[in-house]
Amino acid sequence: MRSIAEIIQSRRSIKKATEEPISKETVLHLIEIASFAPFHSKVEPWEVYMMSTGAQKEKYVEAVVKANCEKQEEEQKIRESTMAKIGTAPITLIITSKIVGNEKKDFEAIAATSAFIQNLQLLGWEENIGMIWRTNKYIFSPLFCEALGIPSDEKIIGTLHLTRFTEVKEAKTRREITSYVHEL
């Protein structure tokens, strides 16, 4: 069994999806364990929306078109490029955080949700499930959220595209620790 340090250091964003299935039960199990991320409120601030069927992915694509398309002639190009990104991935998750309009509480909720997402990525990696955490500009559009039925008191923190992986790229070079750890 790999140590948590090995999992953290070996995890990569996986952009190239395969069609190898991932069961919903497996994903739900990972989500349940990831929910042990720290949070400051009485209730976990995150919500998870899962897409695995063709109809769900089409709904997502149409929401992207609605949020991004300024000219009708762009629609098909946006549809095709979005489906190319999410169509192959067996499961896509939209992760949101509850927003209450209080700067401190909202900051804490977003930080907790980010910790939840990182937990999910690490747990997935341990099970040979790769993910890419995307923050495309359309996730900030109220039109996108409205088209998917995401309530206005939730902020999308990212989309996660889950896939099995066959190859892993080398790690990016990290800065020297002395460049970002400072004494006061």
N, C-alpha and C. Protein backbone atom coordinates (compact mmCIF):
# COMPACT_ATOMS: atom_id res chain seq x y z
N MET A 1 0.84 -1.18 0.00
CA MET A 1 0.00 0.00 0.00
C MET A 1 0.89 1.26 0.00
N ARG A 2 0.53 2.20 -0.85
CA ARG A 2 1.30 3.43 -0.94
C ARG A 2 1.00 4.36 0.24
N SER A 3 2.00 5.10 0.66
CA SER A 3 1.80 6.06 1.74
C SER A 3 1.07 7.28 1.18
N ILE A 4 0.50 8.08 2.10
CA ILE A 4 -0.17 9.29 1.67
C ILE A 4 0.81 10.23 0.98
N ALA A 5 2.05 10.27 1.45
CA ALA A 5 3.07 11.12 0.80
C ALA A 5 3.31 10.68 -0.64
N GLU A 6 3.38 9.38 -0.87
CA GLU A 6 3.58 8.87 -2.24
C GLU A 6 2.39 9.20 -3.13
N ILE A 7 1.19 9.11 -2.59
CA ILE A 7 -0.01 9.42 -3.37
C ILE A 7 -0.03 10.90 -3.72
N ILE A 8 0.28 11.76 -2.74
CA ILE A 8 0.29 13.20 -3.00
C ILE A 8 1.32 13.53 -4.08
N GLN A 9 2.51 12.96 -3.98
CA GLN A 9 3.57 13.29 -4.93
C GLN A 9 3.36 12.67 -6.31
N SER A 10 2.63 11.58 -6.39
CA SER A 10 2.45 10.93 -7.70
C SER A 10 1.19 11.39 -8.43
N ARG A 11 0.23 11.99 -7.72
CA ARG A 11 -1.04 12.38 -8.35
C ARG A 11 -0.82 13.42 -9.44
N ARG A 12 -1.52 13.25 -10.54
CA ARG A 12 -1.46 14.18 -11.67
C ARG A 12 -2.87 14.47 -12.16
N SER A 13 -3.04 15.59 -12.82
CA SER A 13 -4.29 15.85 -13.54
C SER A 13 -4.28 15.01 -14.79
N ILE A 14 -5.36 14.31 -15.03
CA ILE A 14 -5.46 13.44 -16.20
C ILE A 14 -6.44 14.07 -17.18
N LYS A 15 -5.91 14.58 -18.28
CA LYS A 15 -6.73 15.25 -19.28
C LYS A 15 -7.34 14.27 -20.28
N LYS A 16 -6.60 13.22 -20.60
CA LYS A 16 -7.05 12.28 -21.62
C LYS A 16 -7.91 11.19 -20.97
N ALA A 17 -9.19 11.23 -21.28
CA ALA A 17 -10.13 10.28 -20.68
C ALA A 17 -10.21 9.00 -21.50
N THR A 18 -10.47 7.91 -20.80
CA THR A 18 -10.75 6.64 -21.46
C THR A 18 -12.22 6.31 -21.21
N GLU A 19 -12.75 5.42 -21.99
CA GLU A 19 -14.15 5.04 -21.83
C GLU A 19 -14.34 3.90 -20.83
N GLU A 20 -13.25 3.45 -20.20
CA GLU A 20 -13.36 2.37 -19.23
C GLU A 20 -14.31 2.81 -18.10
N PRO A 21 -15.32 2.01 -17.83
CA PRO A 21 -16.33 2.44 -16.85
C PRO A 21 -15.78 2.60 -15.44
N ILE A 22 -16.42 3.49 -14.71
CA ILE A 22 -16.20 3.66 -13.28
C ILE A 22 -17.58 3.58 -12.65
N SER A 23 -17.75 2.72 -11.69
CA SER A 23 -19.09 2.55 -11.12
C SER A 23 -19.47 3.74 -10.25
N LYS A 24 -20.76 4.06 -10.26
CA LYS A 24 -21.26 5.12 -9.39
C LYS A 24 -21.02 4.77 -7.93
N GLU A 25 -21.13 3.50 -7.60
CA GLU A 25 -20.92 3.06 -6.22
C GLU A 25 -19.50 3.40 -5.77
N THR A 26 -18.52 3.19 -6.66
CA THR A 26 -17.14 3.53 -6.33
C THR A 26 -17.00 5.02 -6.09
N VAL A 27 -17.58 5.82 -6.98
CA VAL A 27 -17.49 7.28 -6.86
C VAL A 27 -18.20 7.74 -5.59
N LEU A 28 -19.36 7.20 -5.30
CA LEU A 28 -20.08 7.58 -4.08
C LEU A 28 -19.26 7.22 -2.83
N HIS A 29 -18.59 6.09 -2.86
CA HIS A 29 -17.74 5.69 -1.75
C HIS A 29 -16.59 6.70 -1.57
N LEU A 30 -15.96 7.10 -2.67
CA LEU A 30 -14.87 8.08 -2.60
C LEU A 30 -15.38 9.42 -2.07
N ILE A 31 -16.55 9.83 -2.54
CA ILE A 31 -17.15 11.09 -2.08
C ILE A 31 -17.41 11.04 -0.58
N GLU A 32 -17.92 9.91 -0.13
CA GLU A 32 -18.23 9.77 1.30
C GLU A 32 -16.97 9.89 2.16
N ILE A 33 -15.89 9.27 1.75
CA ILE A 33 -14.64 9.36 2.51
C ILE A 33 -14.05 10.77 2.39
N ALA A 34 -14.12 11.36 1.19
CA ALA A 34 -13.59 12.72 0.99
C ALA A 34 -14.29 13.73 1.87
N SER A 35 -15.51 13.43 2.27
CA SER A 35 -16.29 14.36 3.07
C SER A 35 -15.73 14.57 4.48
N PHE A 36 -14.68 13.84 4.81
CA PHE A 36 -14.02 14.05 6.09
C PHE A 36 -13.03 15.22 6.03
N ALA A 37 -13.12 16.01 4.98
CA ALA A 37 -12.33 17.25 4.89
C ALA A 37 -12.77 18.18 6.02
N PRO A 38 -11.87 19.00 6.52
CA PRO A 38 -12.25 19.92 7.60
C PRO A 38 -13.19 21.01 7.09
N PHE A 39 -14.11 21.43 7.95
CA PHE A 39 -14.99 22.54 7.63
C PHE A 39 -15.35 23.27 8.91
N HIS A 40 -15.68 24.55 8.81
CA HIS A 40 -15.91 25.41 9.96
C HIS A 40 -17.37 25.51 10.36
N SER A 41 -18.28 25.20 9.48
CA SER A 41 -19.70 25.37 9.76
C SER A 41 -20.27 24.12 10.42
N LYS A 42 -21.55 24.17 10.75
CA LYS A 42 -22.21 23.03 11.37
C LYS A 42 -22.45 21.90 10.37
N VAL A 43 -22.56 22.25 9.10
CA VAL A 43 -22.84 21.29 8.04
C VAL A 43 -21.82 21.47 6.93
N GLU A 44 -21.42 20.36 6.31
CA GLU A 44 -20.48 20.44 5.19
C GLU A 44 -21.03 21.41 4.14
N PRO A 45 -20.17 22.33 3.64
CA PRO A 45 -20.66 23.35 2.72
C PRO A 45 -20.76 22.91 1.26
N TRP A 46 -20.28 21.73 0.92
CA TRP A 46 -20.22 21.33 -0.47
C TRP A 46 -21.48 20.57 -0.90
N GLU A 47 -21.72 20.66 -2.20
CA GLU A 47 -22.75 19.87 -2.89
C GLU A 47 -22.07 19.25 -4.10
N VAL A 48 -22.51 18.07 -4.49
CA VAL A 48 -21.92 17.36 -5.62
C VAL A 48 -23.02 17.00 -6.60
N TYR A 49 -22.84 17.36 -7.86
CA TYR A 49 -23.76 17.00 -8.94
C TYR A 49 -23.03 16.04 -9.87
N MET A 50 -23.61 14.86 -10.10
CA MET A 50 -22.94 13.81 -10.86
C MET A 50 -23.60 13.65 -12.23
N MET A 51 -22.75 13.49 -13.25
CA MET A 51 -23.22 13.23 -14.60
C MET A 51 -22.52 12.00 -15.14
N SER A 52 -23.32 11.04 -15.62
CA SER A 52 -22.72 9.84 -16.21
C SER A 52 -23.44 9.39 -17.48
N THR A 53 -24.66 9.85 -17.67
CA THR A 53 -25.42 9.41 -18.85
C THR A 53 -25.25 10.39 -20.01
N GLY A 54 -25.55 9.92 -21.18
CA GLY A 54 -25.50 10.79 -22.36
C GLY A 54 -26.44 11.97 -22.23
N ALA A 55 -27.63 11.75 -21.70
CA ALA A 55 -28.61 12.83 -21.54
C ALA A 55 -28.10 13.89 -20.56
N GLN A 56 -27.46 13.45 -19.48
CA GLN A 56 -26.92 14.40 -18.50
C GLN A 56 -25.78 15.22 -19.12
N LYS A 57 -24.95 14.56 -19.91
CA LYS A 57 -23.84 15.27 -20.55
C LYS A 57 -24.36 16.25 -21.60
N GLU A 58 -25.41 15.88 -22.32
CA GLU A 58 -26.03 16.79 -23.30
C GLU A 58 -26.58 18.03 -22.60
N LYS A 59 -27.21 17.83 -21.45
CA LYS A 59 -27.74 18.96 -20.67
C LYS A 59 -26.60 19.89 -20.27
N TYR A 60 -25.48 19.32 -19.86
CA TYR A 60 -24.29 20.10 -19.49
C TYR A 60 -23.79 20.89 -20.70
N VAL A 61 -23.68 20.22 -21.84
CA VAL A 61 -23.20 20.88 -23.06
C VAL A 61 -24.11 22.04 -23.42
N GLU A 62 -25.41 21.84 -23.35
CA GLU A 62 -26.36 22.91 -23.68
C GLU A 62 -26.24 24.08 -22.70
N ALA A 63 -25.93 23.78 -21.43
CA ALA A 63 -25.72 24.84 -20.45
C ALA A 63 -24.47 25.64 -20.79
N VAL A 64 -23.43 24.96 -21.27
CA VAL A 64 -22.20 25.64 -21.68
C VAL A 64 -22.50 26.55 -22.87
N VAL A 65 -23.27 26.05 -23.83
CA VAL A 65 -23.65 26.85 -25.00
C VAL A 65 -24.41 28.10 -24.55
N LYS A 66 -25.38 27.90 -23.66
CA LYS A 66 -26.19 29.02 -23.17
C LYS A 66 -25.32 30.08 -22.50
N ALA A 67 -24.32 29.65 -21.74
CA ALA A 67 -23.47 30.58 -21.00
C ALA A 67 -22.41 31.23 -21.86
N ASN A 68 -21.96 30.55 -22.92
CA ASN A 68 -20.80 31.00 -23.71
C ASN A 68 -21.13 31.60 -25.06
N CYS A 69 -22.26 31.28 -25.60
CA CYS A 69 -22.52 31.58 -27.01
C CYS A 69 -23.12 32.98 -27.20
N GLU A 70 -22.37 33.81 -27.88
CA GLU A 70 -22.85 35.14 -28.20
C GLU A 70 -23.43 35.21 -29.61
N LYS A 71 -22.96 34.32 -30.49
CA LYS A 71 -23.42 34.29 -31.87
C LYS A 71 -23.90 32.89 -32.21
N GLN A 72 -24.98 32.79 -32.93
CA GLN A 72 -25.57 31.49 -33.25
C GLN A 72 -24.60 30.60 -34.02
N GLU A 73 -23.75 31.20 -34.85
CA GLU A 73 -22.81 30.39 -35.64
C GLU A 73 -21.72 29.74 -34.77
N GLU A 74 -21.58 30.18 -33.52
CA GLU A 74 -20.61 29.59 -32.60
C GLU A 74 -21.13 28.34 -31.89
N GLU A 75 -22.44 28.17 -31.89
CA GLU A 75 -23.07 27.11 -31.09
C GLU A 75 -22.49 25.73 -31.37
N GLN A 76 -22.41 25.34 -32.63
CA GLN A 76 -21.96 23.99 -32.95
C GLN A 76 -20.50 23.76 -32.54
N LYS A 77 -19.67 24.76 -32.75
CA LYS A 77 -18.26 24.65 -32.35
C LYS A 77 -18.14 24.47 -30.83
N ILE A 78 -18.91 25.24 -30.08
CA ILE A 78 -18.89 25.14 -28.62
C ILE A 78 -19.41 23.77 -28.19
N ARG A 79 -20.49 23.31 -28.82
CA ARG A 79 -21.05 21.99 -28.51
C ARG A 79 -20.00 20.89 -28.72
N GLU A 80 -19.36 20.93 -29.87
CA GLU A 80 -18.38 19.89 -30.20
C GLU A 80 -17.17 19.92 -29.28
N SER A 81 -16.64 21.10 -29.01
CA SER A 81 -15.45 21.18 -28.15
C SER A 81 -15.77 20.78 -26.71
N THR A 82 -16.95 21.14 -26.23
CA THR A 82 -17.34 20.76 -24.87
C THR A 82 -17.56 19.26 -24.77
N MET A 83 -18.24 18.69 -25.74
CA MET A 83 -18.49 17.24 -25.72
C MET A 83 -17.17 16.48 -25.84
N ALA A 84 -16.22 17.02 -26.58
CA ALA A 84 -14.91 16.37 -26.70
C ALA A 84 -14.21 16.31 -25.34
N LYS A 85 -14.44 17.33 -24.51
CA LYS A 85 -13.81 17.36 -23.19
C LYS A 85 -14.51 16.47 -22.17
N ILE A 86 -15.84 16.40 -22.23
CA ILE A 86 -16.55 15.64 -21.19
C ILE A 86 -17.17 14.35 -21.68
N GLY A 87 -17.30 14.19 -22.97
CA GLY A 87 -18.02 13.04 -23.51
C GLY A 87 -17.41 11.69 -23.21
N THR A 88 -16.10 11.59 -23.23
CA THR A 88 -15.42 10.32 -23.02
C THR A 88 -15.32 9.95 -21.54
N ALA A 89 -15.17 10.96 -20.69
CA ALA A 89 -15.04 10.69 -19.24
C ALA A 89 -16.28 9.96 -18.75
N PRO A 90 -16.11 8.82 -18.08
CA PRO A 90 -17.27 8.07 -17.61
C PRO A 90 -18.15 8.85 -16.65
N ILE A 91 -17.53 9.68 -15.81
CA ILE A 91 -18.30 10.45 -14.83
C ILE A 91 -17.70 11.85 -14.72
N THR A 92 -18.58 12.84 -14.69
CA THR A 92 -18.18 14.21 -14.43
C THR A 92 -18.94 14.70 -13.22
N LEU A 93 -18.24 15.39 -12.34
CA LEU A 93 -18.84 15.96 -11.14
C LEU A 93 -18.76 17.48 -11.20
N ILE A 94 -19.80 18.13 -10.75
CA ILE A 94 -19.77 19.57 -10.52
C ILE A 94 -19.80 19.73 -9.01
N ILE A 95 -18.80 20.41 -8.47
CA ILE A 95 -18.70 20.60 -7.03
C ILE A 95 -19.00 22.06 -6.72
N THR A 96 -19.95 22.28 -5.83
CA THR A 96 -20.32 23.64 -5.45
C THR A 96 -20.12 23.83 -3.96
N SER A 97 -20.14 25.09 -3.56
CA SER A 97 -20.05 25.45 -2.16
C SER A 97 -21.20 26.40 -1.84
N LYS A 98 -21.81 26.18 -0.70
CA LYS A 98 -22.88 27.08 -0.25
C LYS A 98 -22.29 28.45 0.05
N ILE A 99 -22.96 29.49 -0.41
CA ILE A 99 -22.53 30.87 -0.20
C ILE A 99 -23.63 31.58 0.57
N VAL A 100 -23.24 32.23 1.67
CA VAL A 100 -24.26 32.88 2.52
C VAL A 100 -24.18 34.41 2.50
N GLY A 101 -23.18 34.96 1.80
CA GLY A 101 -23.06 36.42 1.73
C GLY A 101 -22.25 37.03 2.85
N ASN A 102 -21.54 36.22 3.59
CA ASN A 102 -20.65 36.69 4.65
C ASN A 102 -19.23 36.36 4.20
N GLU A 103 -18.38 37.38 4.06
CA GLU A 103 -17.05 37.17 3.48
C GLU A 103 -16.26 36.07 4.18
N LYS A 104 -16.22 36.09 5.50
CA LYS A 104 -15.45 35.09 6.25
C LYS A 104 -16.05 33.70 6.09
N LYS A 105 -17.35 33.58 6.25
CA LYS A 105 -18.00 32.26 6.15
C LYS A 105 -17.90 31.71 4.72
N ASP A 106 -18.04 32.59 3.73
CA ASP A 106 -17.93 32.14 2.34
C ASP A 106 -16.50 31.70 2.02
N PHE A 107 -15.52 32.44 2.53
CA PHE A 107 -14.12 32.06 2.34
C PHE A 107 -13.86 30.69 2.96
N GLU A 108 -14.33 30.49 4.18
CA GLU A 108 -14.15 29.21 4.86
C GLU A 108 -14.84 28.07 4.10
N ALA A 109 -16.02 28.35 3.57
CA ALA A 109 -16.76 27.32 2.83
C ALA A 109 -16.01 26.93 1.56
N ILE A 110 -15.48 27.90 0.84
CA ILE A 110 -14.73 27.62 -0.39
C ILE A 110 -13.44 26.87 -0.06
N ALA A 111 -12.76 27.26 1.01
CA ALA A 111 -11.54 26.56 1.42
C ALA A 111 -11.86 25.11 1.79
N ALA A 112 -12.93 24.90 2.53
CA ALA A 112 -13.32 23.54 2.93
C ALA A 112 -13.68 22.71 1.71
N THR A 113 -14.40 23.31 0.78
CA THR A 113 -14.79 22.59 -0.43
C THR A 113 -13.56 22.24 -1.26
N SER A 114 -12.59 23.12 -1.30
CA SER A 114 -11.34 22.82 -2.01
C SER A 114 -10.60 21.66 -1.34
N ALA A 115 -10.60 21.61 -0.01
CA ALA A 115 -9.99 20.48 0.70
C ALA A 115 -10.74 19.19 0.37
N PHE A 116 -12.07 19.27 0.30
CA PHE A 116 -12.89 18.12 -0.08
C PHE A 116 -12.50 17.62 -1.48
N ILE A 117 -12.33 18.56 -2.41
CA ILE A 117 -11.95 18.19 -3.78
C ILE A 117 -10.57 17.54 -3.79
N GLN A 118 -9.62 18.09 -3.06
CA GLN A 118 -8.29 17.49 -3.01
C GLN A 118 -8.36 16.08 -2.41
N ASN A 119 -9.13 15.92 -1.33
CA ASN A 119 -9.32 14.57 -0.76
C ASN A 119 -9.85 13.62 -1.83
N LEU A 120 -10.84 14.07 -2.58
CA LEU A 120 -11.45 13.24 -3.61
C LEU A 120 -10.43 12.85 -4.67
N GLN A 121 -9.60 13.81 -5.09
CA GLN A 121 -8.57 13.52 -6.09
C GLN A 121 -7.57 12.49 -5.56
N LEU A 122 -7.16 12.64 -4.33
CA LEU A 122 -6.18 11.70 -3.76
C LEU A 122 -6.77 10.31 -3.58
N LEU A 123 -8.01 10.24 -3.11
CA LEU A 123 -8.69 8.95 -2.96
C LEU A 123 -8.88 8.28 -4.32
N GLY A 124 -9.25 9.07 -5.32
CA GLY A 124 -9.39 8.53 -6.66
C GLY A 124 -8.08 7.97 -7.18
N TRP A 125 -7.00 8.73 -6.97
CA TRP A 125 -5.68 8.30 -7.44
C TRP A 125 -5.31 6.95 -6.82
N GLU A 126 -5.63 6.79 -5.54
CA GLU A 126 -5.34 5.54 -4.85
C GLU A 126 -6.06 4.36 -5.52
N GLU A 127 -7.22 4.65 -6.15
CA GLU A 127 -8.01 3.62 -6.83
C GLU A 127 -7.78 3.60 -8.34
N ASN A 128 -6.71 4.26 -8.80
CA ASN A 128 -6.39 4.37 -10.22
C ASN A 128 -7.48 5.08 -11.02
N ILE A 129 -8.07 6.07 -10.38
CA ILE A 129 -9.04 6.95 -11.05
C ILE A 129 -8.40 8.32 -11.09
N GLY A 130 -8.18 8.80 -12.31
CA GLY A 130 -7.60 10.11 -12.49
C GLY A 130 -8.69 11.15 -12.67
N MET A 131 -8.34 12.38 -12.42
CA MET A 131 -9.30 13.49 -12.55
C MET A 131 -8.57 14.72 -13.05
N ILE A 132 -9.35 15.58 -13.66
CA ILE A 132 -8.87 16.93 -13.91
C ILE A 132 -9.89 17.87 -13.31
N TRP A 133 -9.40 18.83 -12.55
CA TRP A 133 -10.23 19.84 -11.88
C TRP A 133 -10.23 21.05 -12.79
N ARG A 134 -11.37 21.34 -13.40
CA ARG A 134 -11.46 22.47 -14.33
C ARG A 134 -12.27 23.61 -13.72
N THR A 135 -11.85 24.82 -14.06
CA THR A 135 -12.57 26.03 -13.63
C THR A 135 -12.80 26.92 -14.86
N ASN A 136 -13.45 26.35 -15.87
CA ASN A 136 -13.73 27.09 -17.10
C ASN A 136 -14.56 28.34 -16.79
N LYS A 137 -14.45 29.34 -17.65
CA LYS A 137 -15.12 30.62 -17.37
C LYS A 137 -16.64 30.49 -17.27
N TYR A 138 -17.24 29.52 -17.94
CA TYR A 138 -18.70 29.41 -17.89
C TYR A 138 -19.23 29.00 -16.53
N ILE A 139 -18.39 28.44 -15.64
CA ILE A 139 -18.90 28.06 -14.31
C ILE A 139 -19.27 29.29 -13.49
N PHE A 140 -18.82 30.46 -13.91
CA PHE A 140 -19.13 31.70 -13.20
C PHE A 140 -20.40 32.36 -13.74
N SER A 141 -20.99 31.77 -14.76
CA SER A 141 -22.17 32.35 -15.40
C SER A 141 -23.46 31.89 -14.71
N PRO A 142 -24.29 32.83 -14.30
CA PRO A 142 -25.59 32.45 -13.74
C PRO A 142 -26.44 31.66 -14.75
N LEU A 143 -26.24 31.92 -16.06
CA LEU A 143 -26.98 31.18 -17.08
C LEU A 143 -26.63 29.69 -17.06
N PHE A 144 -25.36 29.38 -16.86
CA PHE A 144 -24.91 28.00 -16.78
C PHE A 144 -25.56 27.31 -15.59
N CYS A 145 -25.47 27.94 -14.43
CA CYS A 145 -26.05 27.36 -13.21
C CYS A 145 -27.56 27.19 -13.34
N GLU A 146 -28.20 28.20 -13.86
CA GLU A 146 -29.66 28.15 -14.03
C GLU A 146 -30.07 27.01 -14.96
N ALA A 147 -29.35 26.84 -16.06
CA ALA A 147 -29.67 25.78 -17.02
C ALA A 147 -29.53 24.38 -16.41
N LEU A 148 -28.66 24.25 -15.41
CA LEU A 148 -28.46 22.95 -14.76
C LEU A 148 -29.26 22.80 -13.47
N GLY A 149 -29.96 23.86 -13.08
CA GLY A 149 -30.76 23.80 -11.86
C GLY A 149 -29.93 23.92 -10.59
N ILE A 150 -28.75 24.52 -10.69
CA ILE A 150 -27.91 24.73 -9.51
C ILE A 150 -28.40 26.00 -8.82
N PRO A 151 -28.78 25.90 -7.55
CA PRO A 151 -29.34 27.05 -6.83
C PRO A 151 -28.40 28.25 -6.79
N SER A 152 -28.98 29.44 -6.72
CA SER A 152 -28.19 30.66 -6.76
C SER A 152 -27.36 30.88 -5.48
N ASP A 153 -27.64 30.14 -4.41
CA ASP A 153 -26.83 30.28 -3.20
C ASP A 153 -25.66 29.30 -3.18
N GLU A 154 -25.35 28.71 -4.34
CA GLU A 154 -24.20 27.83 -4.47
C GLU A 154 -23.25 28.40 -5.52
N LYS A 155 -21.95 28.33 -5.22
CA LYS A 155 -20.91 28.78 -6.15
C LYS A 155 -20.18 27.53 -6.64
N ILE A 156 -20.05 27.40 -7.96
CA ILE A 156 -19.31 26.27 -8.50
C ILE A 156 -17.83 26.49 -8.23
N ILE A 157 -17.20 25.50 -7.60
CA ILE A 157 -15.78 25.57 -7.30
C ILE A 157 -14.99 24.87 -8.41
N GLY A 158 -15.62 23.96 -9.11
CA GLY A 158 -14.97 23.32 -10.24
C GLY A 158 -15.74 22.13 -10.74
N THR A 159 -15.32 21.66 -11.89
CA THR A 159 -15.83 20.41 -12.43
C THR A 159 -14.69 19.41 -12.40
N LEU A 160 -15.02 18.18 -12.08
CA LEU A 160 -14.03 17.10 -12.04
C LEU A 160 -14.45 16.06 -13.06
N HIS A 161 -13.55 15.75 -13.98
CA HIS A 161 -13.80 14.75 -15.00
C HIS A 161 -13.01 13.51 -14.60
N LEU A 162 -13.72 12.44 -14.27
CA LEU A 162 -13.11 11.22 -13.74
C LEU A 162 -12.87 10.21 -14.85
N THR A 163 -11.74 9.54 -14.80
CA THR A 163 -11.41 8.55 -15.81
C THR A 163 -10.38 7.56 -15.26
N ARG A 164 -10.36 6.39 -15.84
CA ARG A 164 -9.25 5.48 -15.58
C ARG A 164 -8.09 5.99 -16.42
N PHE A 165 -6.88 5.70 -16.02
CA PHE A 165 -5.74 6.20 -16.78
C PHE A 165 -4.74 5.09 -17.04
N THR A 166 -4.02 5.26 -18.13
CA THR A 166 -3.02 4.27 -18.51
C THR A 166 -1.60 4.82 -18.46
N GLU A 167 -1.47 6.13 -18.57
CA GLU A 167 -0.14 6.72 -18.51
C GLU A 167 -0.17 7.95 -17.62
N VAL A 168 0.95 8.21 -16.99
CA VAL A 168 1.06 9.33 -16.08
C VAL A 168 2.25 10.18 -16.50
N LYS A 169 2.02 11.47 -16.65
CA LYS A 169 3.10 12.38 -17.03
C LYS A 169 4.02 12.63 -15.84
N GLU A 170 5.21 13.10 -16.17
CA GLU A 170 6.16 13.46 -15.13
C GLU A 170 5.62 14.65 -14.34
N ALA A 171 6.04 14.76 -13.10
CA ALA A 171 5.62 15.88 -12.25
C ALA A 171 6.24 17.18 -12.77
N LYS A 172 5.48 18.25 -12.63
CA LYS A 172 6.02 19.57 -12.93
C LYS A 172 7.07 19.89 -11.89
N THR A 173 8.06 20.65 -12.30
CA THR A 173 9.08 21.09 -11.35
C THR A 173 8.44 22.01 -10.33
N ARG A 174 8.73 21.77 -9.08
CA ARG A 174 8.20 22.60 -8.00
C ARG A 174 9.26 23.63 -7.60
N ARG A 175 8.79 24.76 -7.10
CA ARG A 175 9.71 25.79 -6.61
C ARG A 175 10.49 25.25 -5.41
N GLU A 176 11.66 25.79 -5.22
CA GLU A 176 12.44 25.47 -4.03
C GLU A 176 11.66 25.96 -2.81
N ILE A 177 11.66 25.18 -1.75
CA ILE A 177 10.91 25.52 -0.56
C ILE A 177 11.30 26.88 0.01
N THR A 178 12.55 27.25 -0.15
CA THR A 178 13.02 28.54 0.38
C THR A 178 12.42 29.73 -0.36
N SER A 179 11.83 29.47 -1.53
CA SER A 179 11.22 30.58 -2.28
C SER A 179 9.81 30.91 -1.82
N TYR A 180 9.21 30.04 -1.02
CA TYR A 180 7.85 30.34 -0.55
C TYR A 180 7.63 30.13 0.94
N VAL A 181 8.62 29.69 1.67
CA VAL A 181 8.53 29.63 3.12
C VAL A 181 9.39 30.75 3.68
N HIS A 182 8.75 31.62 4.45
CA HIS A 182 9.42 32.82 4.95
C HIS A 182 9.31 32.90 6.48
N GLU A 183 10.31 33.46 7.09
CA GLU A 183 10.25 33.72 8.52
C GLU A 183 9.83 35.17 8.71
N LEU A 184 8.98 35.39 9.70
CA LEU A 184 8.54 36.77 9.99
C LEU A 184 9.38 37.38 11.08
